[in-house]
Protein backbone atom coordinates (compact mmCIF):
# COMPACT_ATOMS: atom_id res chain seq x y z
CA UNK A 1 0.00 0.00 0.00
CA UNK A 2 2.74 2.43 0.94
CA UNK A 3 4.74 1.80 -2.23
CA UNK A 4 1.77 1.70 -4.60
CA UNK A 5 0.19 4.92 -3.39
CA UNK A 6 3.44 6.64 -2.43
CA UNK A 7 4.70 6.48 -6.00
CA UNK A 8 1.69 8.49 -7.18
CA UNK A 9 3.39 11.50 -5.59
CA UNK A 10 5.17 11.82 -8.95
CA UNK A 11 1.84 12.79 -10.49
CA UNK A 12 1.17 15.37 -7.81
CA UNK A 13 4.62 16.90 -8.15
CA UNK A 14 4.27 17.25 -11.91
CA UNK A 15 0.69 18.55 -11.67
CA UNK A 16 1.55 21.06 -8.97
CA UNK A 17 4.55 22.39 -10.85
CA UNK A 18 2.46 22.58 -14.01
CA UNK A 19 -0.16 24.66 -12.20
CA UNK A 20 2.40 27.32 -11.37
CA UNK A 21 3.51 26.41 -7.84
CA UNK A 22 7.20 26.57 -7.05
CA UNK A 23 9.26 23.58 -5.98
CA UNK A 24 9.23 24.82 -2.38
CA UNK A 25 5.46 25.34 -2.35
CA UNK A 26 4.85 21.91 -3.88
CA UNK A 27 7.06 20.15 -1.35
CA UNK A 28 5.55 22.12 1.55
CA UNK A 29 2.07 20.94 0.54
CA UNK A 30 3.10 17.29 0.68
CA UNK A 31 5.03 17.72 3.92
CA UNK A 32 2.34 19.65 5.78
CA UNK A 33 -0.98 18.72 4.19
CA UNK A 34 -0.19 15.10 3.29
CA UNK A 35 -3.57 14.04 1.95
CA UNK A 36 -3.54 13.40 -1.78
CA UNK A 37 -7.15 14.16 -2.68
CA UNK A 38 -6.99 17.58 -0.98
CA UNK A 39 -3.64 18.38 -2.58
CA UNK A 40 -4.85 17.49 -6.07
CA UNK A 41 -8.06 19.49 -5.50
CA UNK A 42 -6.06 22.54 -4.44
CA UNK A 43 -3.61 22.58 -7.33
CA UNK A 44 -6.35 21.62 -9.80
CA UNK A 45 -8.46 24.61 -8.77
CA UNK A 46 -5.45 26.92 -8.90
CA UNK A 47 -4.50 25.62 -12.35
CA UNK A 48 -8.03 26.35 -13.57
CA UNK A 49 -7.71 29.96 -12.40
CA UNK A 50 -9.73 29.58 -9.22
CA UNK A 51 -9.53 31.89 -6.24
CA UNK A 52 -6.87 30.67 -3.75
CA UNK A 53 -9.32 30.88 -0.84
CA UNK A 54 -11.97 28.89 -2.73
CA UNK A 55 -9.35 26.32 -3.73
CA UNK A 56 -8.18 26.04 -0.10
CA UNK A 57 -11.77 25.67 1.12
CA UNK A 58 -12.42 22.82 -1.28
CA UNK A 59 -9.21 21.09 -0.19
CA UNK A 60 -10.16 21.61 3.46
CA UNK A 61 -13.58 20.01 3.10
CA UNK A 62 -12.08 17.00 1.34
CA UNK A 63 -9.64 16.63 4.23
CA UNK A 64 -12.29 16.86 6.96
CA UNK A 65 -12.91 13.11 6.61
CA UNK A 66 -9.51 12.50 8.22
CA UNK A 67 -10.79 14.03 11.47
CA UNK A 68 -13.49 11.35 11.61
CA UNK A 69 -10.90 8.68 10.87
CA UNK A 70 -8.89 10.04 13.79
CA UNK A 71 -11.81 9.60 16.20
CA UNK A 72 -11.97 5.91 15.34
CA UNK A 73 -8.23 5.30 15.26
CA UNK A 74 -7.60 7.07 18.57
CA UNK A 75 -9.71 4.39 20.31
CA UNK A 76 -8.27 1.52 18.32
CA UNK A 77 -4.58 2.45 18.61
CA UNK A 78 -4.72 3.97 22.13
CA UNK A 79 -1.39 5.75 21.61
CA UNK A 80 0.30 7.76 24.39
CA UNK A 81 -0.78 11.41 24.49
CA UNK A 82 2.69 12.64 23.59
CA UNK A 83 2.67 10.59 20.38
CA UNK A 84 -0.85 11.49 19.16
CA UNK A 85 -0.06 14.89 17.58
CA UNK A 86 2.63 13.26 15.43
CA UNK A 87 0.46 10.24 14.57
CA UNK A 88 -2.35 12.58 13.51
CA UNK A 89 -0.25 13.68 10.53
CA UNK A 90 -0.46 10.13 9.17
CA UNK A 91 -4.22 9.71 9.54
CA UNK A 92 -5.35 9.31 5.91
CA UNK A 93 -7.43 6.87 3.86
CA UNK A 94 -4.70 4.29 3.36
CA UNK A 95 -3.44 4.13 6.96
CA UNK A 96 -7.02 3.93 8.22
CA UNK A 97 -7.88 1.08 5.83
CA UNK A 98 -4.81 -0.95 6.82
CA UNK A 99 -5.27 -0.28 10.55
CA UNK A 100 -8.94 -1.28 10.61
CA UNK A 101 -8.13 -4.52 8.78
CA UNK A 102 -5.92 -5.81 11.61
CA UNK A 103 -7.35 -8.26 14.18
CA UNK A 104 -5.32 -7.06 17.19
CA UNK A 105 -4.21 -3.73 18.66
CA UNK A 106 -0.56 -4.68 18.17
CA UNK A 107 -1.23 -5.49 14.51
CA UNK A 108 -3.17 -2.25 14.12
CA UNK A 109 -0.26 -0.22 15.51
CA UNK A 110 2.23 -1.98 13.25
CA UNK A 111 -0.02 -1.55 10.20
CA UNK A 112 -0.57 2.13 10.93
CA UNK A 113 3.12 2.83 11.53
CA UNK A 114 4.49 0.91 8.55
CA UNK A 115 1.88 2.25 6.13
CA UNK A 116 2.18 5.82 7.43
CA UNK A 117 5.97 5.86 7.38
CA UNK A 118 6.33 4.31 3.91
CA UNK A 119 3.66 6.57 2.46
CA UNK A 120 5.02 9.74 4.02
CA UNK A 121 8.58 9.11 2.90
CA UNK A 122 7.72 7.96 -0.62
CA UNK A 123 5.00 10.56 -1.21
CA UNK A 124 7.30 13.41 -0.28
CA UNK A 125 10.27 11.98 -2.18
CA UNK A 126 8.27 11.41 -5.36
CA UNK A 127 6.60 14.83 -5.00
CA UNK A 128 10.04 16.42 -5.00
CA UNK A 129 11.23 14.36 -7.97
CA UNK A 130 8.01 14.96 -9.91
CA UNK A 131 8.16 18.74 -9.40
CA UNK A 132 11.85 18.75 -10.24
CA UNK A 133 11.33 16.83 -13.47
CA UNK A 134 8.17 18.66 -14.56
CA UNK A 135 10.10 20.87 -16.98
CA UNK A 136 11.56 17.84 -18.73
CA UNK A 137 8.05 16.55 -19.49
CA UNK A 138 7.02 19.70 -21.33
CA UNK A 139 3.25 20.08 -21.47
CA UNK A 140 2.12 18.29 -18.31
CA UNK A 141 -1.56 18.44 -19.32
CA UNK A 142 -0.83 16.16 -22.26
CA UNK A 143 0.21 13.35 -19.89
CA UNK A 144 -3.08 13.38 -17.96
CA UNK A 145 -1.24 12.93 -14.67
CA UNK A 146 -3.72 15.13 -12.83
CA UNK A 147 -6.14 12.19 -12.99
CA UNK A 148 -3.84 9.90 -10.96
CA UNK A 149 -4.75 11.31 -7.54
CA UNK A 150 -8.53 11.22 -8.01
CA UNK A 151 -8.23 7.74 -9.55
CA UNK A 152 -6.41 6.41 -6.46
CA UNK A 153 -8.96 8.08 -4.18
CA UNK A 154 -11.90 6.58 -6.09
CA UNK A 155 -10.27 3.14 -6.08
CA UNK A 156 -10.10 3.29 -2.28
CA UNK A 157 -13.59 4.72 -1.91
CA UNK A 158 -15.55 2.47 -4.28
CA UNK A 159 -15.36 -0.75 -2.18
CA UNK A 160 -16.68 1.18 0.85
CA UNK A 161 -19.97 2.08 -0.87
CA UNK A 162 -21.92 -0.91 0.43
CA UNK A 163 -25.34 0.53 1.32
CA UNK A 164 -27.92 2.16 -0.94
CA UNK A 165 -27.56 5.42 1.02
CA UNK A 166 -23.79 5.55 0.51
CA UNK A 167 -24.15 4.86 -3.20
CA UNK A 168 -26.85 7.54 -3.48
CA UNK A 169 -24.58 10.12 -1.79
CA UNK A 170 -21.72 9.26 -4.14
CA UNK A 171 -23.93 9.42 -7.25
CA UNK A 172 -25.49 12.75 -6.26
CA UNK A 173 -22.07 14.21 -5.44
CA UNK A 174 -20.80 13.24 -8.90
CA UNK A 175 -23.86 14.77 -10.56
CA UNK A 176 -23.51 18.01 -8.58
CA UNK A 177 -19.78 18.28 -9.19
CA UNK A 178 -19.95 17.62 -12.92
CA UNK A 179 -23.16 19.52 -13.49
CA UNK A 180 -21.95 22.68 -11.78
CA UNK A 181 -18.44 22.54 -13.25
CA UNK A 182 -19.27 24.64 -16.35
CA UNK A 183 -21.18 27.35 -14.45
CA UNK A 184 -19.28 27.87 -11.19
CA UNK A 185 -15.72 29.08 -10.52
CA UNK A 186 -13.00 26.47 -10.08
CA UNK A 187 -13.10 24.87 -6.65
CA UNK A 188 -16.73 25.76 -5.92
CA UNK A 189 -18.27 22.58 -7.50
CA UNK A 190 -16.31 20.50 -4.97
CA UNK A 191 -17.90 22.47 -2.13
CA UNK A 192 -21.34 22.11 -3.70
CA UNK A 193 -20.87 18.36 -4.09
CA UNK A 194 -20.49 18.11 -0.31
CA UNK A 195 -24.19 19.01 -0.05
CA UNK A 196 -25.02 15.55 -1.38
CA UNK A 197 -24.57 13.91 2.03
CA UNK A 198 -27.03 16.06 4.05
CA UNK A 199 -29.51 16.05 1.15
CA UNK A 200 -29.57 12.26 0.87
CA UNK A 201 -29.62 11.79 4.65
CA UNK A 202 -32.56 14.21 4.93
CA UNK A 203 -34.53 12.37 2.26
CA UNK A 204 -33.67 9.01 3.82
CA UNK A 205 -34.84 10.26 7.20
CA UNK A 206 -38.10 11.54 5.70
CA UNK A 207 -38.68 8.20 3.98
CA UNK A 208 -38.00 6.30 7.21
CA UNK A 209 -40.33 8.59 9.18
CA UNK A 210 -43.04 8.14 6.56
CA UNK A 211 -42.60 4.38 6.73
CA UNK A 212 -42.90 4.49 10.53
CA UNK A 213 -46.08 6.59 10.29
CA UNK A 214 -47.53 4.21 7.70
CA UNK A 215 -46.65 1.29 9.96
CA UNK A 216 -48.36 2.89 12.94
CA UNK A 217 -51.46 3.64 10.87
CA UNK A 218 -51.54 0.08 9.55
CA UNK A 219 -51.18 -1.32 13.08
CA UNK A 220 -53.98 0.98 14.24
CA UNK A 221 -56.23 -0.22 11.41
CA UNK A 222 -55.34 -3.83 12.16
CA UNK A 223 -56.10 -3.27 15.84
CA UNK A 224 -59.43 -1.65 15.03
CA UNK A 225 -60.30 -4.52 12.71
CA UNK A 226 -59.38 -7.08 15.37
CA UNK A 227 -61.55 -5.21 17.87
CA UNK A 228 -64.48 -5.25 15.42
CA UNK A 229 -63.95 -8.95 14.75
CA UNK A 230 -63.87 -9.64 18.49
CA UNK A 231 -67.11 -7.70 19.03
CA UNK A 232 -68.74 -9.53 16.13
CA UNK A 233 -67.69 -12.90 17.55
CA UNK A 234 -68.98 -11.91 20.98
CA UNK A 235 -72.32 -10.83 19.52
CA UNK A 236 -72.65 -14.16 17.69
CA UNK A 237 -71.98 -16.10 20.92
CA UNK A 238 -74.56 -14.03 22.80
CA UNK A 239 -77.15 -14.69 20.10
CA UNK A 240 -76.39 -18.41 20.22
CA UNK A 241 -76.92 -18.42 23.96
C-alpha atoms as a PDB file:
ATOM      1  CA  UNK A   1       0.000   0.000   0.000  1.00  0.00           C
ATOM      2  CA  UNK A   2       2.740   2.435   0.937  1.00  0.00           C
ATOM      3  CA  UNK A   3       4.740   1.805  -2.225  1.00  0.00           C
ATOM      4  CA  UNK A   4       1.769   1.696  -4.605  1.00  0.00           C
ATOM      5  CA  UNK A   5       0.194   4.922  -3.390  1.00  0.00           C
ATOM      6  CA  UNK A   6       3.437   6.641  -2.428  1.00  0.00           C
ATOM      7  CA  UNK A   7       4.703   6.479  -5.996  1.00  0.00           C
ATOM      8  CA  UNK A   8       1.690   8.490  -7.183  1.00  0.00           C
ATOM      9  CA  UNK A   9       3.390  11.496  -5.594  1.00  0.00           C
ATOM     10  CA  UNK A  10       5.174  11.818  -8.949  1.00  0.00           C
ATOM     11  CA  UNK A  11       1.844  12.789 -10.489  1.00  0.00           C
ATOM     12  CA  UNK A  12       1.170  15.367  -7.815  1.00  0.00           C
ATOM     13  CA  UNK A  13       4.624  16.899  -8.149  1.00  0.00           C
ATOM     14  CA  UNK A  14       4.273  17.251 -11.905  1.00  0.00           C
ATOM     15  CA  UNK A  15       0.689  18.554 -11.669  1.00  0.00           C
ATOM     16  CA  UNK A  16       1.547  21.058  -8.967  1.00  0.00           C
ATOM     17  CA  UNK A  17       4.548  22.393 -10.851  1.00  0.00           C
ATOM     18  CA  UNK A  18       2.457  22.580 -14.015  1.00  0.00           C
ATOM     19  CA  UNK A  19      -0.160  24.661 -12.199  1.00  0.00           C
ATOM     20  CA  UNK A  20       2.402  27.321 -11.374  1.00  0.00           C
ATOM     21  CA  UNK A  21       3.511  26.414  -7.845  1.00  0.00           C
ATOM     22  CA  UNK A  22       7.202  26.570  -7.052  1.00  0.00           C
ATOM     23  CA  UNK A  23       9.263  23.576  -5.983  1.00  0.00           C
ATOM     24  CA  UNK A  24       9.231  24.823  -2.380  1.00  0.00           C
ATOM     25  CA  UNK A  25       5.460  25.341  -2.354  1.00  0.00           C
ATOM     26  CA  UNK A  26       4.851  21.912  -3.878  1.00  0.00           C
ATOM     27  CA  UNK A  27       7.061  20.148  -1.348  1.00  0.00           C
ATOM     28  CA  UNK A  28       5.546  22.121   1.546  1.00  0.00           C
ATOM     29  CA  UNK A  29       2.067  20.944   0.541  1.00  0.00           C
ATOM     30  CA  UNK A  30       3.103  17.295   0.676  1.00  0.00           C
ATOM     31  CA  UNK A  31       5.027  17.715   3.924  1.00  0.00           C
ATOM     32  CA  UNK A  32       2.337  19.655   5.780  1.00  0.00           C
ATOM     33  CA  UNK A  33      -0.984  18.720   4.188  1.00  0.00           C
ATOM     34  CA  UNK A  34      -0.194  15.097   3.288  1.00  0.00           C
ATOM     35  CA  UNK A  35      -3.569  14.036   1.947  1.00  0.00           C
ATOM     36  CA  UNK A  36      -3.539  13.397  -1.776  1.00  0.00           C
ATOM     37  CA  UNK A  37      -7.148  14.164  -2.685  1.00  0.00           C
ATOM     38  CA  UNK A  38      -6.995  17.581  -0.983  1.00  0.00           C
ATOM     39  CA  UNK A  39      -3.645  18.380  -2.578  1.00  0.00           C
ATOM     40  CA  UNK A  40      -4.852  17.495  -6.074  1.00  0.00           C
ATOM     41  CA  UNK A  41      -8.064  19.488  -5.503  1.00  0.00           C
ATOM     42  CA  UNK A  42      -6.063  22.536  -4.437  1.00  0.00           C
ATOM     43  CA  UNK A  43      -3.607  22.584  -7.331  1.00  0.00           C
ATOM     44  CA  UNK A  44      -6.348  21.624  -9.801  1.00  0.00           C
ATOM     45  CA  UNK A  45      -8.464  24.606  -8.766  1.00  0.00           C
ATOM     46  CA  UNK A  46      -5.450  26.921  -8.904  1.00  0.00           C
ATOM     47  CA  UNK A  47      -4.498  25.623 -12.348  1.00  0.00           C
ATOM     48  CA  UNK A  48      -8.028  26.352 -13.570  1.00  0.00           C
ATOM     49  CA  UNK A  49      -7.706  29.955 -12.403  1.00  0.00           C
ATOM     50  CA  UNK A  50      -9.732  29.581  -9.224  1.00  0.00           C
ATOM     51  CA  UNK A  51      -9.528  31.890  -6.236  1.00  0.00           C
ATOM     52  CA  UNK A  52      -6.874  30.667  -3.752  1.00  0.00           C
ATOM     53  CA  UNK A  53      -9.323  30.885  -0.841  1.00  0.00           C
ATOM     54  CA  UNK A  54     -11.967  28.893  -2.730  1.00  0.00           C
ATOM     55  CA  UNK A  55      -9.353  26.322  -3.725  1.00  0.00           C
ATOM     56  CA  UNK A  56      -8.179  26.040  -0.102  1.00  0.00           C
ATOM     57  CA  UNK A  57     -11.772  25.675   1.123  1.00  0.00           C
ATOM     58  CA  UNK A  58     -12.420  22.815  -1.285  1.00  0.00           C
ATOM     59  CA  UNK A  59      -9.213  21.088  -0.194  1.00  0.00           C
ATOM     60  CA  UNK A  60     -10.155  21.612   3.455  1.00  0.00           C
ATOM     61  CA  UNK A  61     -13.585  20.012   3.097  1.00  0.00           C
ATOM     62  CA  UNK A  62     -12.075  17.005   1.342  1.00  0.00           C
ATOM     63  CA  UNK A  63      -9.639  16.634   4.232  1.00  0.00           C
ATOM     64  CA  UNK A  64     -12.289  16.858   6.955  1.00  0.00           C
ATOM     65  CA  UNK A  65     -12.906  13.112   6.613  1.00  0.00           C
ATOM     66  CA  UNK A  66      -9.506  12.503   8.223  1.00  0.00           C
ATOM     67  CA  UNK A  67     -10.791  14.032  11.468  1.00  0.00           C
ATOM     68  CA  UNK A  68     -13.493  11.354  11.615  1.00  0.00           C
ATOM     69  CA  UNK A  69     -10.896   8.679  10.871  1.00  0.00           C
ATOM     70  CA  UNK A  70      -8.895  10.042  13.795  1.00  0.00           C
ATOM     71  CA  UNK A  71     -11.806   9.598  16.203  1.00  0.00           C
ATOM     72  CA  UNK A  72     -11.968   5.909  15.343  1.00  0.00           C
ATOM     73  CA  UNK A  73      -8.226   5.303  15.262  1.00  0.00           C
ATOM     74  CA  UNK A  74      -7.599   7.068  18.575  1.00  0.00           C
ATOM     75  CA  UNK A  75      -9.710   4.394  20.309  1.00  0.00           C
ATOM     76  CA  UNK A  76      -8.270   1.518  18.315  1.00  0.00           C
ATOM     77  CA  UNK A  77      -4.579   2.451  18.610  1.00  0.00           C
ATOM     78  CA  UNK A  78      -4.717   3.975  22.128  1.00  0.00           C
ATOM     79  CA  UNK A  79      -1.387   5.748  21.608  1.00  0.00           C
ATOM     80  CA  UNK A  80       0.304   7.762  24.387  1.00  0.00           C
ATOM     81  CA  UNK A  81      -0.779  11.408  24.494  1.00  0.00           C
ATOM     82  CA  UNK A  82       2.687  12.642  23.587  1.00  0.00           C
ATOM     83  CA  UNK A  83       2.667  10.592  20.377  1.00  0.00           C
ATOM     84  CA  UNK A  84      -0.854  11.486  19.162  1.00  0.00           C
ATOM     85  CA  UNK A  85      -0.056  14.890  17.580  1.00  0.00           C
ATOM     86  CA  UNK A  86       2.631  13.260  15.425  1.00  0.00           C
ATOM     87  CA  UNK A  87       0.464  10.238  14.574  1.00  0.00           C
ATOM     88  CA  UNK A  88      -2.349  12.581  13.514  1.00  0.00           C
ATOM     89  CA  UNK A  89      -0.245  13.675  10.534  1.00  0.00           C
ATOM     90  CA  UNK A  90      -0.457  10.134   9.171  1.00  0.00           C
ATOM     91  CA  UNK A  91      -4.224   9.706   9.541  1.00  0.00           C
ATOM     92  CA  UNK A  92      -5.349   9.314   5.914  1.00  0.00           C
ATOM     93  CA  UNK A  93      -7.428   6.873   3.860  1.00  0.00           C
ATOM     94  CA  UNK A  94      -4.699   4.285   3.362  1.00  0.00           C
ATOM     95  CA  UNK A  95      -3.444   4.126   6.959  1.00  0.00           C
ATOM     96  CA  UNK A  96      -7.025   3.931   8.217  1.00  0.00           C
ATOM     97  CA  UNK A  97      -7.883   1.078   5.831  1.00  0.00           C
ATOM     98  CA  UNK A  98      -4.806  -0.954   6.819  1.00  0.00           C
ATOM     99  CA  UNK A  99      -5.272  -0.279  10.548  1.00  0.00           C
ATOM    100  CA  UNK A 100      -8.936  -1.285  10.607  1.00  0.00           C
ATOM    101  CA  UNK A 101      -8.134  -4.524   8.779  1.00  0.00           C
ATOM    102  CA  UNK A 102      -5.918  -5.812  11.609  1.00  0.00           C
ATOM    103  CA  UNK A 103      -7.350  -8.256  14.184  1.00  0.00           C
ATOM    104  CA  UNK A 104      -5.324  -7.062  17.193  1.00  0.00           C
ATOM    105  CA  UNK A 105      -4.208  -3.731  18.659  1.00  0.00           C
ATOM    106  CA  UNK A 106      -0.563  -4.678  18.169  1.00  0.00           C
ATOM    107  CA  UNK A 107      -1.232  -5.492  14.515  1.00  0.00           C
ATOM    108  CA  UNK A 108      -3.167  -2.250  14.120  1.00  0.00           C
ATOM    109  CA  UNK A 109      -0.264  -0.220  15.510  1.00  0.00           C
ATOM    110  CA  UNK A 110       2.233  -1.983  13.248  1.00  0.00           C
ATOM    111  CA  UNK A 111      -0.024  -1.554  10.199  1.00  0.00           C
ATOM    112  CA  UNK A 112      -0.573   2.134  10.932  1.00  0.00           C
ATOM    113  CA  UNK A 113       3.118   2.833  11.533  1.00  0.00           C
ATOM    114  CA  UNK A 114       4.489   0.912   8.553  1.00  0.00           C
ATOM    115  CA  UNK A 115       1.879   2.248   6.132  1.00  0.00           C
ATOM    116  CA  UNK A 116       2.179   5.821   7.433  1.00  0.00           C
ATOM    117  CA  UNK A 117       5.971   5.863   7.376  1.00  0.00           C
ATOM    118  CA  UNK A 118       6.334   4.309   3.908  1.00  0.00           C
ATOM    119  CA  UNK A 119       3.658   6.570   2.457  1.00  0.00           C
ATOM    120  CA  UNK A 120       5.016   9.742   4.021  1.00  0.00           C
ATOM    121  CA  UNK A 121       8.579   9.108   2.898  1.00  0.00           C
ATOM    122  CA  UNK A 122       7.724   7.959  -0.615  1.00  0.00           C
ATOM    123  CA  UNK A 123       5.001  10.556  -1.215  1.00  0.00           C
ATOM    124  CA  UNK A 124       7.295  13.412  -0.280  1.00  0.00           C
ATOM    125  CA  UNK A 125      10.271  11.979  -2.176  1.00  0.00           C
ATOM    126  CA  UNK A 126       8.267  11.411  -5.357  1.00  0.00           C
ATOM    127  CA  UNK A 127       6.596  14.832  -4.998  1.00  0.00           C
ATOM    128  CA  UNK A 128      10.041  16.419  -5.001  1.00  0.00           C
ATOM    129  CA  UNK A 129      11.231  14.358  -7.971  1.00  0.00           C
ATOM    130  CA  UNK A 130       8.006  14.963  -9.907  1.00  0.00           C
ATOM    131  CA  UNK A 131       8.155  18.739  -9.398  1.00  0.00           C
ATOM    132  CA  UNK A 132      11.848  18.749 -10.238  1.00  0.00           C
ATOM    133  CA  UNK A 133      11.333  16.830 -13.467  1.00  0.00           C
ATOM    134  CA  UNK A 134       8.168  18.661 -14.560  1.00  0.00           C
ATOM    135  CA  UNK A 135      10.097  20.873 -16.976  1.00  0.00           C
ATOM    136  CA  UNK A 136      11.558  17.844 -18.733  1.00  0.00           C
ATOM    137  CA  UNK A 137       8.047  16.550 -19.488  1.00  0.00           C
ATOM    138  CA  UNK A 138       7.021  19.695 -21.329  1.00  0.00           C
ATOM    139  CA  UNK A 139       3.247  20.083 -21.471  1.00  0.00           C
ATOM    140  CA  UNK A 140       2.121  18.292 -18.306  1.00  0.00           C
ATOM    141  CA  UNK A 141      -1.561  18.442 -19.315  1.00  0.00           C
ATOM    142  CA  UNK A 142      -0.834  16.157 -22.259  1.00  0.00           C
ATOM    143  CA  UNK A 143       0.212  13.348 -19.895  1.00  0.00           C
ATOM    144  CA  UNK A 144      -3.076  13.382 -17.957  1.00  0.00           C
ATOM    145  CA  UNK A 145      -1.237  12.933 -14.668  1.00  0.00           C
ATOM    146  CA  UNK A 146      -3.720  15.132 -12.834  1.00  0.00           C
ATOM    147  CA  UNK A 147      -6.140  12.190 -12.990  1.00  0.00           C
ATOM    148  CA  UNK A 148      -3.842   9.901 -10.961  1.00  0.00           C
ATOM    149  CA  UNK A 149      -4.754  11.312  -7.544  1.00  0.00           C
ATOM    150  CA  UNK A 150      -8.532  11.218  -8.011  1.00  0.00           C
ATOM    151  CA  UNK A 151      -8.234   7.739  -9.548  1.00  0.00           C
ATOM    152  CA  UNK A 152      -6.408   6.413  -6.460  1.00  0.00           C
ATOM    153  CA  UNK A 153      -8.955   8.085  -4.181  1.00  0.00           C
ATOM    154  CA  UNK A 154     -11.898   6.582  -6.086  1.00  0.00           C
ATOM    155  CA  UNK A 155     -10.272   3.141  -6.083  1.00  0.00           C
ATOM    156  CA  UNK A 156     -10.096   3.291  -2.281  1.00  0.00           C
ATOM    157  CA  UNK A 157     -13.593   4.725  -1.909  1.00  0.00           C
ATOM    158  CA  UNK A 158     -15.546   2.474  -4.276  1.00  0.00           C
ATOM    159  CA  UNK A 159     -15.357  -0.753  -2.177  1.00  0.00           C
ATOM    160  CA  UNK A 160     -16.675   1.175   0.852  1.00  0.00           C
ATOM    161  CA  UNK A 161     -19.970   2.075  -0.867  1.00  0.00           C
ATOM    162  CA  UNK A 162     -21.919  -0.912   0.430  1.00  0.00           C
ATOM    163  CA  UNK A 163     -25.338   0.525   1.317  1.00  0.00           C
ATOM    164  CA  UNK A 164     -27.915   2.157  -0.935  1.00  0.00           C
ATOM    165  CA  UNK A 165     -27.559   5.424   1.016  1.00  0.00           C
ATOM    166  CA  UNK A 166     -23.793   5.547   0.514  1.00  0.00           C
ATOM    167  CA  UNK A 167     -24.150   4.864  -3.204  1.00  0.00           C
ATOM    168  CA  UNK A 168     -26.852   7.545  -3.476  1.00  0.00           C
ATOM    169  CA  UNK A 169     -24.582  10.118  -1.785  1.00  0.00           C
ATOM    170  CA  UNK A 170     -21.725   9.258  -4.141  1.00  0.00           C
ATOM    171  CA  UNK A 171     -23.927   9.418  -7.248  1.00  0.00           C
ATOM    172  CA  UNK A 172     -25.494  12.750  -6.258  1.00  0.00           C
ATOM    173  CA  UNK A 173     -22.072  14.208  -5.435  1.00  0.00           C
ATOM    174  CA  UNK A 174     -20.804  13.240  -8.899  1.00  0.00           C
ATOM    175  CA  UNK A 175     -23.858  14.775 -10.561  1.00  0.00           C
ATOM    176  CA  UNK A 176     -23.514  18.006  -8.579  1.00  0.00           C
ATOM    177  CA  UNK A 177     -19.784  18.277  -9.191  1.00  0.00           C
ATOM    178  CA  UNK A 178     -19.945  17.616 -12.922  1.00  0.00           C
ATOM    179  CA  UNK A 179     -23.164  19.520 -13.490  1.00  0.00           C
ATOM    180  CA  UNK A 180     -21.948  22.685 -11.779  1.00  0.00           C
ATOM    181  CA  UNK A 181     -18.443  22.544 -13.252  1.00  0.00           C
ATOM    182  CA  UNK A 182     -19.271  24.644 -16.352  1.00  0.00           C
ATOM    183  CA  UNK A 183     -21.178  27.347 -14.452  1.00  0.00           C
ATOM    184  CA  UNK A 184     -19.280  27.873 -11.186  1.00  0.00           C
ATOM    185  CA  UNK A 185     -15.721  29.080 -10.521  1.00  0.00           C
ATOM    186  CA  UNK A 186     -13.001  26.466 -10.084  1.00  0.00           C
ATOM    187  CA  UNK A 187     -13.097  24.873  -6.652  1.00  0.00           C
ATOM    188  CA  UNK A 188     -16.732  25.756  -5.918  1.00  0.00           C
ATOM    189  CA  UNK A 189     -18.265  22.585  -7.497  1.00  0.00           C
ATOM    190  CA  UNK A 190     -16.314  20.502  -4.966  1.00  0.00           C
ATOM    191  CA  UNK A 191     -17.903  22.466  -2.132  1.00  0.00           C
ATOM    192  CA  UNK A 192     -21.344  22.114  -3.697  1.00  0.00           C
ATOM    193  CA  UNK A 193     -20.869  18.356  -4.090  1.00  0.00           C
ATOM    194  CA  UNK A 194     -20.490  18.113  -0.306  1.00  0.00           C
ATOM    195  CA  UNK A 195     -24.194  19.010  -0.054  1.00  0.00           C
ATOM    196  CA  UNK A 196     -25.024  15.546  -1.384  1.00  0.00           C
ATOM    197  CA  UNK A 197     -24.567  13.914   2.025  1.00  0.00           C
ATOM    198  CA  UNK A 198     -27.031  16.060   4.047  1.00  0.00           C
ATOM    199  CA  UNK A 199     -29.511  16.054   1.150  1.00  0.00           C
ATOM    200  CA  UNK A 200     -29.573  12.257   0.871  1.00  0.00           C
ATOM    201  CA  UNK A 201     -29.616  11.788   4.649  1.00  0.00           C
ATOM    202  CA  UNK A 202     -32.555  14.208   4.926  1.00  0.00           C
ATOM    203  CA  UNK A 203     -34.528  12.368   2.255  1.00  0.00           C
ATOM    204  CA  UNK A 204     -33.666   9.012   3.820  1.00  0.00           C
ATOM    205  CA  UNK A 205     -34.838  10.258   7.196  1.00  0.00           C
ATOM    206  CA  UNK A 206     -38.097  11.541   5.703  1.00  0.00           C
ATOM    207  CA  UNK A 207     -38.682   8.204   3.983  1.00  0.00           C
ATOM    208  CA  UNK A 208     -37.995   6.299   7.215  1.00  0.00           C
ATOM    209  CA  UNK A 209     -40.330   8.595   9.176  1.00  0.00           C
ATOM    210  CA  UNK A 210     -43.044   8.144   6.564  1.00  0.00           C
ATOM    211  CA  UNK A 211     -42.595   4.380   6.726  1.00  0.00           C
ATOM    212  CA  UNK A 212     -42.902   4.487  10.534  1.00  0.00           C
ATOM    213  CA  UNK A 213     -46.080   6.586  10.286  1.00  0.00           C
ATOM    214  CA  UNK A 214     -47.534   4.211   7.702  1.00  0.00           C
ATOM    215  CA  UNK A 215     -46.653   1.292   9.960  1.00  0.00           C
ATOM    216  CA  UNK A 216     -48.356   2.890  12.941  1.00  0.00           C
ATOM    217  CA  UNK A 217     -51.465   3.644  10.869  1.00  0.00           C
ATOM    218  CA  UNK A 218     -51.535   0.085   9.553  1.00  0.00           C
ATOM    219  CA  UNK A 219     -51.176  -1.321  13.076  1.00  0.00           C
ATOM    220  CA  UNK A 220     -53.978   0.983  14.241  1.00  0.00           C
ATOM    221  CA  UNK A 221     -56.226  -0.221  11.408  1.00  0.00           C
ATOM    222  CA  UNK A 222     -55.341  -3.832  12.164  1.00  0.00           C
ATOM    223  CA  UNK A 223     -56.099  -3.270  15.841  1.00  0.00           C
ATOM    224  CA  UNK A 224     -59.434  -1.648  15.028  1.00  0.00           C
ATOM    225  CA  UNK A 225     -60.303  -4.524  12.706  1.00  0.00           C
ATOM    226  CA  UNK A 226     -59.379  -7.077  15.373  1.00  0.00           C
ATOM    227  CA  UNK A 227     -61.553  -5.212  17.871  1.00  0.00           C
ATOM    228  CA  UNK A 228     -64.477  -5.254  15.423  1.00  0.00           C
ATOM    229  CA  UNK A 229     -63.954  -8.948  14.753  1.00  0.00           C
ATOM    230  CA  UNK A 230     -63.868  -9.635  18.487  1.00  0.00           C
ATOM    231  CA  UNK A 231     -67.107  -7.696  19.031  1.00  0.00           C
ATOM    232  CA  UNK A 232     -68.737  -9.532  16.134  1.00  0.00           C
ATOM    233  CA  UNK A 233     -67.694 -12.905  17.547  1.00  0.00           C
ATOM    234  CA  UNK A 234     -68.981 -11.909  20.980  1.00  0.00           C
ATOM    235  CA  UNK A 235     -72.317 -10.833  19.515  1.00  0.00           C
ATOM    236  CA  UNK A 236     -72.649 -14.157  17.694  1.00  0.00           C
ATOM    237  CA  UNK A 237     -71.981 -16.098  20.922  1.00  0.00           C
ATOM    238  CA  UNK A 238     -74.559 -14.032  22.798  1.00  0.00           C
ATOM    239  CA  UNK A 239     -77.150 -14.687  20.096  1.00  0.00           C
ATOM    240  CA  UNK A 240     -76.389 -18.408  20.217  1.00  0.00           C
ATOM    241  CA  UNK A 241     -76.916 -18.422  23.958  1.00  0.00           C
END
